[in-house]
Amino acid sequence: MTSQIFSPGVEHVLDLSGIFVFALSGSLLAVRKNFDVFGMAVLAEATALGGGVLRDELIGAIPPAAFTDIGYFMTPLVATLVVFFMHPEVARINRTVQTLDALGLGLFCVTGTAKAHDYGLGVVASIALGMITAAGGGVIRDLLAMETPSLLRWDRSLYAVPALVGAGLTAALIAAGALDAVTGSAAALMAFGLRMLAIKYDWRAPRAWHRGSSSEGEQ
């Protein structure tokens, strides 16, 4: 199966690491929204697991992987406890959290694309589900917090685009029969690098052509 890019042990550690960092961002948003500890846990779980669960539901991988390994479910709870007791310290290392989040983005867009392909989906659908795996949890997090999803906002640096690039490169590698641990890592690093450059240089997607005003009330 192409979805097993890395050895099972390595992939499990990478998955849990990505889940932990995504969960940190969910819990931090809950703190900023003044949620209680239950709300923090809900946002942590949704952010960390939402994209993968949505992907598995769409491709028919039932039950979703998030519910077949207790480590997947418990890791966001550990992240919640870290933020609950140490949120000022975690917030101060926001750049580090963003860097680790970008690494998770790169990893999940690759593994998500490969898993979708293994379940018989075509190139375009596999790429879309790779992006959903990487970014879907953040969308669910923002909706639960009653905010416009970050990846839809012009005033936020590119997030979905790096995931799409990584997913597209993964699909191309699958088509060429060249996806393995080395090339899969390269695709993940490509998405990671683009995300980090977007953060550093504040790259954003363009708005409507000739849009002359930034007023929120403009129709």
N, C-alpha and C. Protein backbone atom coordinates (compact mmCIF):
# COMPACT_ATOMS: atom_id res chain seq x y z
N MET A 1 0.84 -1.21 0.00
CA MET A 1 0.00 0.00 0.00
C MET A 1 0.87 1.25 0.00
N THR A 2 0.54 2.20 -0.87
CA THR A 2 1.35 3.42 -0.94
C THR A 2 1.20 4.28 0.30
N SER A 3 0.09 4.11 1.06
CA SER A 3 -0.10 4.95 2.24
C SER A 3 0.91 4.63 3.33
N GLN A 4 1.50 3.41 3.29
CA GLN A 4 2.51 3.06 4.27
C GLN A 4 3.87 3.50 3.74
N ILE A 5 4.10 4.82 3.79
CA ILE A 5 5.32 5.39 3.22
C ILE A 5 6.51 5.10 4.11
N PHE A 6 6.32 5.27 5.41
CA PHE A 6 7.39 5.04 6.37
C PHE A 6 7.13 3.71 7.09
N SER A 7 8.11 3.26 7.86
CA SER A 7 7.89 2.06 8.66
C SER A 7 6.78 2.33 9.66
N PRO A 8 6.03 1.30 10.08
CA PRO A 8 4.89 1.52 10.98
C PRO A 8 5.26 2.29 12.24
N GLY A 9 6.40 1.96 12.86
CA GLY A 9 6.81 2.64 14.08
C GLY A 9 7.10 4.11 13.86
N VAL A 10 7.82 4.40 12.79
CA VAL A 10 8.17 5.79 12.48
C VAL A 10 6.92 6.59 12.15
N GLU A 11 6.04 5.99 11.34
CA GLU A 11 4.83 6.72 10.94
C GLU A 11 3.93 6.99 12.15
N HIS A 12 3.88 6.06 13.08
CA HIS A 12 3.05 6.26 14.27
C HIS A 12 3.58 7.42 15.11
N VAL A 13 4.89 7.47 15.29
CA VAL A 13 5.49 8.57 16.05
C VAL A 13 5.25 9.90 15.35
N LEU A 14 5.40 9.93 14.03
CA LEU A 14 5.19 11.17 13.27
C LEU A 14 3.73 11.61 13.37
N ASP A 15 2.81 10.65 13.27
CA ASP A 15 1.39 10.97 13.38
C ASP A 15 1.07 11.59 14.74
N LEU A 16 1.55 10.96 15.80
CA LEU A 16 1.26 11.47 17.14
C LEU A 16 1.90 12.83 17.37
N SER A 17 3.07 13.04 16.80
CA SER A 17 3.73 14.35 16.94
C SER A 17 2.91 15.43 16.25
N GLY A 18 2.46 15.14 15.02
CA GLY A 18 1.62 16.11 14.31
C GLY A 18 0.31 16.37 15.03
N ILE A 19 -0.30 15.31 15.54
CA ILE A 19 -1.56 15.45 16.28
C ILE A 19 -1.35 16.32 17.51
N PHE A 20 -0.26 16.12 18.22
CA PHE A 20 0.01 16.90 19.42
C PHE A 20 0.12 18.39 19.11
N VAL A 21 0.84 18.73 18.06
CA VAL A 21 1.03 20.15 17.73
C VAL A 21 -0.27 20.77 17.25
N PHE A 22 -1.03 20.06 16.41
CA PHE A 22 -2.33 20.58 15.99
C PHE A 22 -3.23 20.81 17.19
N ALA A 23 -3.17 19.88 18.15
CA ALA A 23 -4.00 20.00 19.35
C ALA A 23 -3.61 21.23 20.17
N LEU A 24 -2.32 21.55 20.22
CA LEU A 24 -1.88 22.75 20.93
C LEU A 24 -2.55 23.99 20.35
N SER A 25 -2.60 24.08 19.02
CA SER A 25 -3.21 25.27 18.41
C SER A 25 -4.70 25.34 18.72
N GLY A 26 -5.37 24.18 18.77
CA GLY A 26 -6.78 24.18 19.13
C GLY A 26 -7.01 24.63 20.56
N SER A 27 -6.20 24.14 21.48
CA SER A 27 -6.34 24.52 22.88
C SER A 27 -6.02 25.99 23.10
N LEU A 28 -5.02 26.49 22.40
CA LEU A 28 -4.66 27.91 22.54
C LEU A 28 -5.79 28.81 22.07
N LEU A 29 -6.45 28.44 20.97
CA LEU A 29 -7.59 29.23 20.52
C LEU A 29 -8.69 29.19 21.56
N ALA A 30 -8.91 28.04 22.19
CA ALA A 30 -9.93 27.94 23.23
C ALA A 30 -9.61 28.86 24.40
N VAL A 31 -8.34 28.97 24.76
CA VAL A 31 -7.95 29.89 25.84
C VAL A 31 -8.25 31.33 25.45
N ARG A 32 -7.92 31.68 24.20
CA ARG A 32 -8.18 33.04 23.74
C ARG A 32 -9.68 33.34 23.70
N LYS A 33 -10.49 32.32 23.47
CA LYS A 33 -11.95 32.50 23.44
C LYS A 33 -12.58 32.35 24.83
N ASN A 34 -11.74 32.14 25.84
CA ASN A 34 -12.19 32.01 27.23
C ASN A 34 -13.06 30.78 27.45
N PHE A 35 -12.75 29.68 26.75
CA PHE A 35 -13.46 28.43 26.95
C PHE A 35 -12.97 27.75 28.23
N ASP A 36 -13.81 26.86 28.79
CA ASP A 36 -13.36 26.09 29.94
C ASP A 36 -12.54 24.89 29.47
N VAL A 37 -12.12 24.04 30.41
CA VAL A 37 -11.22 22.95 30.07
C VAL A 37 -11.89 21.95 29.12
N PHE A 38 -13.20 21.76 29.24
CA PHE A 38 -13.89 20.87 28.31
C PHE A 38 -13.86 21.45 26.90
N GLY A 39 -14.11 22.74 26.79
CA GLY A 39 -14.04 23.40 25.49
C GLY A 39 -12.64 23.32 24.89
N MET A 40 -11.63 23.45 25.75
CA MET A 40 -10.25 23.31 25.28
C MET A 40 -10.01 21.92 24.70
N ALA A 41 -10.52 20.90 25.41
CA ALA A 41 -10.33 19.52 24.94
C ALA A 41 -11.06 19.27 23.63
N VAL A 42 -12.27 19.81 23.51
CA VAL A 42 -13.04 19.64 22.28
C VAL A 42 -12.31 20.26 21.09
N LEU A 43 -11.82 21.48 21.26
CA LEU A 43 -11.10 22.13 20.15
C LEU A 43 -9.79 21.41 19.85
N ALA A 44 -9.13 20.91 20.88
CA ALA A 44 -7.89 20.17 20.65
C ALA A 44 -8.15 18.91 19.84
N GLU A 45 -9.17 18.14 20.24
CA GLU A 45 -9.51 16.91 19.51
C GLU A 45 -9.94 17.22 18.08
N ALA A 46 -10.77 18.24 17.92
CA ALA A 46 -11.28 18.58 16.59
C ALA A 46 -10.15 19.02 15.66
N THR A 47 -9.25 19.83 16.18
CA THR A 47 -8.14 20.33 15.36
C THR A 47 -7.20 19.21 14.97
N ALA A 48 -6.88 18.36 15.93
CA ALA A 48 -5.89 17.32 15.70
C ALA A 48 -6.40 16.17 14.84
N LEU A 49 -7.66 15.81 15.03
CA LEU A 49 -8.18 14.59 14.39
C LEU A 49 -9.22 14.85 13.31
N GLY A 50 -9.77 16.08 13.27
CA GLY A 50 -10.89 16.35 12.37
C GLY A 50 -10.60 16.08 10.91
N GLY A 51 -9.44 16.49 10.42
CA GLY A 51 -9.12 16.29 9.01
C GLY A 51 -9.03 14.82 8.65
N GLY A 52 -8.35 14.04 9.50
CA GLY A 52 -8.20 12.61 9.24
C GLY A 52 -9.52 11.86 9.33
N VAL A 53 -10.35 12.22 10.31
CA VAL A 53 -11.65 11.57 10.45
C VAL A 53 -12.53 11.87 9.24
N LEU A 54 -12.53 13.14 8.80
CA LEU A 54 -13.32 13.51 7.63
C LEU A 54 -12.85 12.74 6.39
N ARG A 55 -11.54 12.66 6.22
CA ARG A 55 -11.00 11.90 5.08
C ARG A 55 -11.45 10.44 5.14
N ASP A 56 -11.30 9.80 6.30
CA ASP A 56 -11.64 8.39 6.42
C ASP A 56 -13.13 8.14 6.19
N GLU A 57 -13.97 9.06 6.66
CA GLU A 57 -15.41 8.93 6.42
C GLU A 57 -15.71 9.01 4.93
N LEU A 58 -15.05 9.91 4.23
CA LEU A 58 -15.31 10.10 2.80
C LEU A 58 -14.83 8.93 1.96
N ILE A 59 -13.73 8.30 2.35
CA ILE A 59 -13.19 7.21 1.53
C ILE A 59 -13.70 5.84 1.99
N GLY A 60 -14.46 5.81 3.09
CA GLY A 60 -15.02 4.55 3.56
C GLY A 60 -14.09 3.74 4.44
N ALA A 61 -13.09 4.40 5.04
CA ALA A 61 -12.18 3.70 5.96
C ALA A 61 -12.81 3.74 7.35
N ILE A 62 -13.70 2.80 7.61
CA ILE A 62 -14.51 2.80 8.84
C ILE A 62 -14.12 1.60 9.71
N PRO A 63 -13.95 1.80 11.02
CA PRO A 63 -13.97 3.10 11.72
C PRO A 63 -12.72 3.91 11.40
N PRO A 64 -12.80 5.24 11.52
CA PRO A 64 -11.63 6.08 11.22
C PRO A 64 -10.44 5.70 12.09
N ALA A 65 -9.25 5.91 11.55
CA ALA A 65 -8.02 5.55 12.26
C ALA A 65 -7.94 6.19 13.64
N ALA A 66 -8.52 7.39 13.77
CA ALA A 66 -8.47 8.11 15.05
C ALA A 66 -9.17 7.35 16.16
N PHE A 67 -10.08 6.42 15.81
CA PHE A 67 -10.84 5.69 16.81
C PHE A 67 -10.38 4.24 16.98
N THR A 68 -9.31 3.87 16.29
CA THR A 68 -8.80 2.51 16.41
C THR A 68 -7.49 2.46 17.18
N ASP A 69 -6.95 3.61 17.53
CA ASP A 69 -5.70 3.70 18.28
C ASP A 69 -5.91 4.68 19.42
N ILE A 70 -5.87 4.20 20.65
CA ILE A 70 -6.13 5.05 21.80
C ILE A 70 -5.15 6.21 21.90
N GLY A 71 -3.94 6.01 21.35
CA GLY A 71 -2.95 7.08 21.38
C GLY A 71 -3.40 8.30 20.60
N TYR A 72 -4.12 8.06 19.48
CA TYR A 72 -4.61 9.18 18.68
C TYR A 72 -5.59 10.03 19.47
N PHE A 73 -6.42 9.38 20.27
CA PHE A 73 -7.44 10.11 21.03
C PHE A 73 -6.85 10.77 22.27
N MET A 74 -5.89 10.11 22.92
CA MET A 74 -5.34 10.62 24.16
C MET A 74 -4.34 11.76 23.95
N THR A 75 -3.63 11.76 22.83
CA THR A 75 -2.61 12.78 22.60
C THR A 75 -3.17 14.20 22.66
N PRO A 76 -4.32 14.49 22.03
CA PRO A 76 -4.87 15.84 22.18
C PRO A 76 -5.23 16.19 23.62
N LEU A 77 -5.59 15.19 24.42
CA LEU A 77 -5.91 15.47 25.83
C LEU A 77 -4.65 15.85 26.59
N VAL A 78 -3.54 15.22 26.24
CA VAL A 78 -2.26 15.60 26.86
C VAL A 78 -1.91 17.04 26.47
N ALA A 79 -2.11 17.38 25.20
CA ALA A 79 -1.85 18.75 24.75
C ALA A 79 -2.75 19.74 25.48
N THR A 80 -3.98 19.34 25.73
CA THR A 80 -4.91 20.20 26.47
C THR A 80 -4.40 20.49 27.87
N LEU A 81 -3.90 19.46 28.54
CA LEU A 81 -3.36 19.66 29.88
C LEU A 81 -2.14 20.58 29.87
N VAL A 82 -1.30 20.42 28.87
CA VAL A 82 -0.12 21.28 28.75
C VAL A 82 -0.55 22.74 28.64
N VAL A 83 -1.52 23.00 27.77
CA VAL A 83 -1.98 24.38 27.57
C VAL A 83 -2.74 24.87 28.80
N PHE A 84 -3.52 24.00 29.42
CA PHE A 84 -4.30 24.39 30.60
C PHE A 84 -3.38 24.95 31.70
N PHE A 85 -2.28 24.28 31.94
CA PHE A 85 -1.39 24.69 33.02
C PHE A 85 -0.29 25.65 32.57
N MET A 86 0.04 25.66 31.28
CA MET A 86 1.21 26.42 30.82
C MET A 86 0.91 27.31 29.62
N HIS A 87 -0.35 27.74 29.47
CA HIS A 87 -0.69 28.47 28.24
C HIS A 87 0.12 29.75 28.03
N PRO A 88 0.51 30.51 29.06
CA PRO A 88 1.35 31.68 28.77
C PRO A 88 2.69 31.29 28.14
N GLU A 89 3.30 30.21 28.67
CA GLU A 89 4.57 29.76 28.13
C GLU A 89 4.42 29.24 26.70
N VAL A 90 3.34 28.47 26.46
CA VAL A 90 3.12 27.93 25.11
C VAL A 90 2.87 29.07 24.13
N ALA A 91 2.09 30.07 24.54
CA ALA A 91 1.80 31.21 23.66
C ALA A 91 3.07 31.98 23.32
N ARG A 92 4.03 32.03 24.26
CA ARG A 92 5.26 32.78 24.01
C ARG A 92 6.15 32.10 22.98
N ILE A 93 6.00 30.79 22.82
CA ILE A 93 6.81 30.11 21.81
C ILE A 93 5.95 29.86 20.56
N ASN A 94 5.11 30.83 20.24
CA ASN A 94 4.18 30.69 19.11
C ASN A 94 4.91 30.37 17.81
N ARG A 95 6.08 30.98 17.60
CA ARG A 95 6.81 30.73 16.35
C ARG A 95 7.23 29.25 16.26
N THR A 96 7.64 28.70 17.40
CA THR A 96 8.00 27.28 17.41
C THR A 96 6.77 26.42 17.12
N VAL A 97 5.65 26.77 17.72
CA VAL A 97 4.40 26.03 17.47
C VAL A 97 4.03 26.12 15.99
N GLN A 98 4.18 27.30 15.40
CA GLN A 98 3.88 27.47 13.97
C GLN A 98 4.80 26.59 13.12
N THR A 99 6.06 26.51 13.49
CA THR A 99 7.02 25.69 12.74
C THR A 99 6.63 24.22 12.82
N LEU A 100 6.31 23.75 14.02
CA LEU A 100 5.90 22.36 14.17
C LEU A 100 4.57 22.09 13.48
N ASP A 101 3.67 23.07 13.51
CA ASP A 101 2.40 22.95 12.81
C ASP A 101 2.64 22.79 11.31
N ALA A 102 3.59 23.55 10.77
CA ALA A 102 3.91 23.44 9.35
C ALA A 102 4.48 22.07 9.01
N LEU A 103 5.25 21.49 9.93
CA LEU A 103 5.75 20.14 9.71
C LEU A 103 4.59 19.14 9.69
N GLY A 104 3.64 19.31 10.60
CA GLY A 104 2.46 18.45 10.61
C GLY A 104 1.66 18.59 9.33
N LEU A 105 1.52 19.82 8.85
CA LEU A 105 0.82 20.08 7.60
C LEU A 105 1.47 19.29 6.46
N GLY A 106 2.81 19.36 6.39
CA GLY A 106 3.52 18.66 5.33
C GLY A 106 3.34 17.16 5.41
N LEU A 107 3.44 16.61 6.61
CA LEU A 107 3.30 15.16 6.78
C LEU A 107 1.89 14.69 6.42
N PHE A 108 0.87 15.38 6.92
CA PHE A 108 -0.50 14.91 6.74
C PHE A 108 -1.00 15.08 5.31
N CYS A 109 -0.53 16.09 4.59
CA CYS A 109 -0.98 16.22 3.20
C CYS A 109 -0.43 15.08 2.34
N VAL A 110 0.76 14.58 2.70
CA VAL A 110 1.35 13.46 1.97
C VAL A 110 0.65 12.15 2.31
N THR A 111 0.53 11.85 3.60
CA THR A 111 -0.08 10.58 4.00
C THR A 111 -1.57 10.55 3.66
N GLY A 112 -2.23 11.70 3.73
CA GLY A 112 -3.65 11.75 3.37
C GLY A 112 -3.87 11.47 1.90
N THR A 113 -3.03 12.03 1.05
CA THR A 113 -3.14 11.79 -0.39
C THR A 113 -2.89 10.32 -0.71
N ALA A 114 -1.86 9.75 -0.10
CA ALA A 114 -1.52 8.35 -0.36
C ALA A 114 -2.64 7.42 0.09
N LYS A 115 -3.25 7.69 1.24
CA LYS A 115 -4.32 6.82 1.73
C LYS A 115 -5.55 6.91 0.84
N ALA A 116 -5.88 8.12 0.39
CA ALA A 116 -7.02 8.28 -0.52
C ALA A 116 -6.79 7.50 -1.81
N HIS A 117 -5.57 7.54 -2.32
CA HIS A 117 -5.25 6.79 -3.54
C HIS A 117 -5.41 5.30 -3.31
N ASP A 118 -4.98 4.81 -2.14
CA ASP A 118 -5.11 3.39 -1.84
C ASP A 118 -6.55 2.93 -1.82
N TYR A 119 -7.47 3.84 -1.54
CA TYR A 119 -8.89 3.48 -1.49
C TYR A 119 -9.58 3.71 -2.84
N GLY A 120 -8.78 3.87 -3.89
CA GLY A 120 -9.32 3.88 -5.23
C GLY A 120 -9.71 5.22 -5.80
N LEU A 121 -9.39 6.31 -5.11
CA LEU A 121 -9.76 7.62 -5.62
C LEU A 121 -8.78 8.07 -6.71
N GLY A 122 -9.28 8.91 -7.61
CA GLY A 122 -8.45 9.44 -8.67
C GLY A 122 -7.52 10.53 -8.18
N VAL A 123 -6.78 11.09 -9.13
CA VAL A 123 -5.74 12.07 -8.79
C VAL A 123 -6.32 13.30 -8.10
N VAL A 124 -7.34 13.90 -8.72
CA VAL A 124 -7.88 15.15 -8.18
C VAL A 124 -8.49 14.92 -6.80
N ALA A 125 -9.27 13.85 -6.65
CA ALA A 125 -9.89 13.57 -5.37
C ALA A 125 -8.85 13.25 -4.30
N SER A 126 -7.80 12.54 -4.67
CA SER A 126 -6.74 12.22 -3.70
C SER A 126 -6.03 13.47 -3.23
N ILE A 127 -5.79 14.40 -4.15
CA ILE A 127 -5.14 15.67 -3.78
C ILE A 127 -6.05 16.46 -2.84
N ALA A 128 -7.33 16.50 -3.18
CA ALA A 128 -8.28 17.24 -2.33
C ALA A 128 -8.33 16.65 -0.93
N LEU A 129 -8.33 15.33 -0.83
CA LEU A 129 -8.40 14.71 0.48
C LEU A 129 -7.08 14.82 1.23
N GLY A 130 -5.98 14.91 0.50
CA GLY A 130 -4.70 15.19 1.15
C GLY A 130 -4.72 16.56 1.81
N MET A 131 -5.29 17.54 1.11
CA MET A 131 -5.40 18.88 1.69
C MET A 131 -6.36 18.88 2.88
N ILE A 132 -7.47 18.15 2.76
CA ILE A 132 -8.44 18.08 3.85
C ILE A 132 -7.81 17.44 5.09
N THR A 133 -7.01 16.40 4.88
CA THR A 133 -6.34 15.76 6.01
C THR A 133 -5.47 16.75 6.77
N ALA A 134 -4.75 17.59 6.01
CA ALA A 134 -3.82 18.54 6.62
C ALA A 134 -4.51 19.76 7.22
N ALA A 135 -5.54 20.26 6.56
CA ALA A 135 -6.12 21.55 6.95
C ALA A 135 -7.55 21.46 7.48
N GLY A 136 -8.19 20.31 7.32
CA GLY A 136 -9.59 20.20 7.70
C GLY A 136 -9.84 20.41 9.18
N GLY A 137 -8.93 19.93 10.02
CA GLY A 137 -9.10 20.09 11.46
C GLY A 137 -9.11 21.55 11.88
N GLY A 138 -8.28 22.37 11.21
CA GLY A 138 -8.26 23.80 11.51
C GLY A 138 -9.56 24.48 11.14
N VAL A 139 -10.18 24.03 10.06
CA VAL A 139 -11.47 24.60 9.66
C VAL A 139 -12.54 24.25 10.70
N ILE A 140 -12.56 22.98 11.12
CA ILE A 140 -13.54 22.57 12.14
C ILE A 140 -13.31 23.35 13.43
N ARG A 141 -12.05 23.50 13.82
CA ARG A 141 -11.71 24.28 15.03
C ARG A 141 -12.29 25.68 14.96
N ASP A 142 -12.06 26.36 13.86
CA ASP A 142 -12.51 27.75 13.73
C ASP A 142 -14.03 27.85 13.72
N LEU A 143 -14.68 26.90 13.05
CA LEU A 143 -16.14 26.93 13.02
C LEU A 143 -16.72 26.71 14.42
N LEU A 144 -16.14 25.78 15.17
CA LEU A 144 -16.61 25.53 16.53
C LEU A 144 -16.41 26.76 17.42
N ALA A 145 -15.35 27.52 17.12
CA ALA A 145 -15.06 28.73 17.89
C ALA A 145 -15.79 29.95 17.33
N MET A 146 -16.66 29.71 16.33
CA MET A 146 -17.46 30.78 15.72
C MET A 146 -16.58 31.86 15.10
N GLU A 147 -15.54 31.41 14.38
CA GLU A 147 -14.67 32.31 13.64
C GLU A 147 -14.65 31.91 12.18
N THR A 148 -14.36 32.88 11.29
CA THR A 148 -14.15 32.55 9.89
C THR A 148 -12.91 31.68 9.79
N PRO A 149 -12.98 30.53 9.13
CA PRO A 149 -11.79 29.67 9.04
C PRO A 149 -10.58 30.44 8.52
N SER A 150 -9.45 30.22 9.17
CA SER A 150 -8.23 30.96 8.84
C SER A 150 -7.83 30.82 7.39
N LEU A 151 -8.03 29.61 6.82
CA LEU A 151 -7.57 29.42 5.45
C LEU A 151 -8.45 30.13 4.42
N LEU A 152 -9.59 30.69 4.87
CA LEU A 152 -10.45 31.47 3.97
C LEU A 152 -10.21 32.97 4.11
N ARG A 153 -9.38 33.37 5.04
CA ARG A 153 -9.20 34.79 5.33
C ARG A 153 -8.01 35.35 4.57
N TRP A 154 -8.24 36.49 3.90
CA TRP A 154 -7.17 37.12 3.14
C TRP A 154 -6.07 37.65 4.04
N ASP A 155 -6.40 38.01 5.27
CA ASP A 155 -5.40 38.61 6.15
C ASP A 155 -4.54 37.57 6.87
N ARG A 156 -4.60 36.32 6.46
CA ARG A 156 -3.75 35.28 7.01
C ARG A 156 -2.84 34.72 5.92
N SER A 157 -1.64 34.35 6.29
CA SER A 157 -0.69 33.82 5.32
C SER A 157 -1.16 32.46 4.79
N LEU A 158 -0.65 32.11 3.62
CA LEU A 158 -1.08 30.90 2.92
C LEU A 158 -0.96 29.66 3.80
N TYR A 159 -2.01 28.86 3.81
CA TYR A 159 -2.01 27.61 4.58
C TYR A 159 -2.45 26.44 3.70
N ALA A 160 -3.59 26.58 3.07
CA ALA A 160 -4.09 25.49 2.23
C ALA A 160 -3.23 25.30 0.98
N VAL A 161 -2.69 26.38 0.43
CA VAL A 161 -1.90 26.26 -0.80
C VAL A 161 -0.67 25.38 -0.61
N PRO A 162 0.13 25.56 0.45
CA PRO A 162 1.24 24.62 0.65
C PRO A 162 0.78 23.17 0.76
N ALA A 163 -0.36 22.94 1.42
CA ALA A 163 -0.88 21.59 1.53
C ALA A 163 -1.26 21.04 0.16
N LEU A 164 -1.85 21.89 -0.69
CA LEU A 164 -2.20 21.46 -2.04
C LEU A 164 -0.96 21.12 -2.86
N VAL A 165 0.09 21.92 -2.70
CA VAL A 165 1.34 21.65 -3.43
C VAL A 165 1.92 20.31 -2.99
N GLY A 166 1.97 20.08 -1.67
CA GLY A 166 2.49 18.81 -1.18
C GLY A 166 1.65 17.63 -1.63
N ALA A 167 0.33 17.79 -1.60
CA ALA A 167 -0.56 16.72 -2.05
C ALA A 167 -0.41 16.47 -3.54
N GLY A 168 -0.29 17.55 -4.32
CA GLY A 168 -0.11 17.40 -5.76
C GLY A 168 1.18 16.70 -6.11
N LEU A 169 2.26 17.05 -5.41
CA LEU A 169 3.54 16.39 -5.65
C LEU A 169 3.46 14.91 -5.28
N THR A 170 2.75 14.61 -4.19
CA THR A 170 2.58 13.21 -3.79
C THR A 170 1.82 12.43 -4.85
N ALA A 171 0.74 13.02 -5.37
CA ALA A 171 -0.03 12.35 -6.42
C ALA A 171 0.84 12.10 -7.66
N ALA A 172 1.69 13.06 -8.00
CA ALA A 172 2.58 12.89 -9.15
C ALA A 172 3.58 11.75 -8.90
N LEU A 173 4.08 11.66 -7.68
CA LEU A 173 5.02 10.58 -7.34
C LEU A 173 4.33 9.22 -7.41
N ILE A 174 3.08 9.16 -6.94
CA ILE A 174 2.32 7.90 -7.02
C ILE A 174 2.14 7.48 -8.47
N ALA A 175 1.77 8.45 -9.32
CA ALA A 175 1.55 8.16 -10.74
C ALA A 175 2.82 7.64 -11.41
N ALA A 176 3.96 8.15 -10.95
CA ALA A 176 5.24 7.73 -11.52
C ALA A 176 5.79 6.47 -10.86
N GLY A 177 5.07 5.95 -9.86
CA GLY A 177 5.55 4.77 -9.14
C GLY A 177 6.80 5.05 -8.34
N ALA A 178 6.94 6.31 -7.87
CA ALA A 178 8.18 6.72 -7.21
C ALA A 178 7.99 7.16 -5.77
N LEU A 179 6.82 6.89 -5.19
CA LEU A 179 6.59 7.33 -3.82
C LEU A 179 7.19 6.33 -2.84
N ASP A 180 8.13 6.80 -2.03
CA ASP A 180 8.71 5.99 -0.97
C ASP A 180 9.06 6.93 0.18
N ALA A 181 9.80 6.44 1.17
CA ALA A 181 10.11 7.25 2.35
C ALA A 181 10.89 8.50 1.98
N VAL A 182 11.80 8.38 1.02
CA VAL A 182 12.64 9.52 0.65
C VAL A 182 11.84 10.56 -0.12
N THR A 183 11.14 10.12 -1.16
CA THR A 183 10.39 11.07 -1.98
C THR A 183 9.18 11.62 -1.22
N GLY A 184 8.57 10.78 -0.37
CA GLY A 184 7.46 11.25 0.45
C GLY A 184 7.92 12.32 1.42
N SER A 185 9.10 12.12 2.00
CA SER A 185 9.67 13.14 2.90
C SER A 185 9.95 14.43 2.14
N ALA A 186 10.42 14.30 0.90
CA ALA A 186 10.71 15.48 0.09
C ALA A 186 9.42 16.26 -0.19
N ALA A 187 8.33 15.56 -0.49
CA ALA A 187 7.05 16.23 -0.74
C ALA A 187 6.57 16.94 0.52
N ALA A 188 6.72 16.27 1.68
CA ALA A 188 6.31 16.88 2.94
C ALA A 188 7.14 18.13 3.23
N LEU A 189 8.45 18.05 2.96
CA LEU A 189 9.33 19.19 3.20
C LEU A 189 9.02 20.34 2.24
N MET A 190 8.57 20.02 1.03
CA MET A 190 8.16 21.07 0.10
C MET A 190 6.99 21.86 0.66
N ALA A 191 5.98 21.14 1.15
CA ALA A 191 4.83 21.82 1.75
C ALA A 191 5.25 22.61 2.99
N PHE A 192 6.11 22.01 3.81
CA PHE A 192 6.61 22.68 5.01
C PHE A 192 7.36 23.96 4.64
N GLY A 193 8.24 23.88 3.65
CA GLY A 193 9.03 25.05 3.24
C GLY A 193 8.15 26.18 2.72
N LEU A 194 7.14 25.83 1.92
CA LEU A 194 6.25 26.86 1.40
C LEU A 194 5.46 27.53 2.52
N ARG A 195 5.03 26.73 3.48
CA ARG A 195 4.29 27.30 4.61
C ARG A 195 5.19 28.24 5.43
N MET A 196 6.42 27.85 5.67
CA MET A 196 7.33 28.70 6.44
C MET A 196 7.67 29.99 5.69
N LEU A 197 7.83 29.90 4.38
CA LEU A 197 8.07 31.12 3.59
C LEU A 197 6.84 32.02 3.62
N ALA A 198 5.66 31.42 3.58
CA ALA A 198 4.43 32.21 3.64
C ALA A 198 4.34 32.96 4.97
N ILE A 199 4.75 32.30 6.06
CA ILE A 199 4.75 32.96 7.36
C ILE A 199 5.78 34.08 7.40
N LYS A 200 6.98 33.79 6.91
CA LYS A 200 8.08 34.77 6.98
C LYS A 200 7.79 36.01 6.15
N TYR A 201 7.29 35.80 4.93
CA TYR A 201 7.09 36.92 4.01
C TYR A 201 5.63 37.36 3.91
N ASP A 202 4.78 36.77 4.74
CA ASP A 202 3.37 37.12 4.77
C ASP A 202 2.71 36.97 3.41
N TRP A 203 2.98 35.86 2.75
CA TRP A 203 2.36 35.59 1.45
C TRP A 203 0.88 35.31 1.64
N ARG A 204 0.07 35.92 0.79
CA ARG A 204 -1.38 35.74 0.86
C ARG A 204 -1.92 35.48 -0.54
N ALA A 205 -3.05 34.83 -0.61
CA ALA A 205 -3.72 34.63 -1.89
C ALA A 205 -4.34 35.96 -2.33
N PRO A 206 -4.40 36.20 -3.64
CA PRO A 206 -4.99 37.47 -4.11
C PRO A 206 -6.48 37.53 -3.87
N ARG A 207 -6.97 38.74 -3.68
CA ARG A 207 -8.42 38.94 -3.58
C ARG A 207 -8.99 39.24 -4.97
N ALA A 208 -10.28 39.56 -5.01
CA ALA A 208 -10.95 39.78 -6.30
C ALA A 208 -10.21 40.86 -7.11
N TRP A 209 -10.16 40.68 -8.41
CA TRP A 209 -9.45 41.60 -9.31
C TRP A 209 -10.01 43.01 -9.20
N HIS A 210 -9.11 43.98 -9.09
CA HIS A 210 -9.47 45.40 -9.02
C HIS A 210 -10.33 45.74 -7.81
N ARG A 211 -10.21 44.95 -6.78
CA ARG A 211 -10.96 45.28 -5.55
C ARG A 211 -10.31 46.50 -4.91
N GLY A 212 -11.05 47.59 -4.87
CA GLY A 212 -10.44 48.86 -4.50
C GLY A 212 -10.53 49.22 -3.04
N SER A 213 -11.37 48.52 -2.25
CA SER A 213 -11.58 48.91 -0.86
C SER A 213 -11.42 47.69 0.02
N SER A 214 -10.90 47.91 1.22
CA SER A 214 -10.77 46.84 2.20
C SER A 214 -11.83 46.93 3.27
N SER A 215 -12.82 47.80 3.05
CA SER A 215 -13.87 48.00 4.05
C SER A 215 -14.69 46.74 4.20
N GLU A 216 -14.94 46.33 5.46
CA GLU A 216 -15.70 45.12 5.71
C GLU A 216 -17.14 45.25 5.25
N GLY A 217 -17.64 46.48 5.19
CA GLY A 217 -19.02 46.67 4.81
C GLY A 217 -19.26 46.75 3.32
N GLU A 218 -18.19 46.68 2.53
CA GLU A 218 -18.34 46.80 1.08
C GLU A 218 -19.10 45.60 0.51
N GLN A 219 -19.99 45.84 -0.40
CA GLN A 219 -20.76 44.79 -1.04
C GLN A 219 -20.22 44.52 -2.45
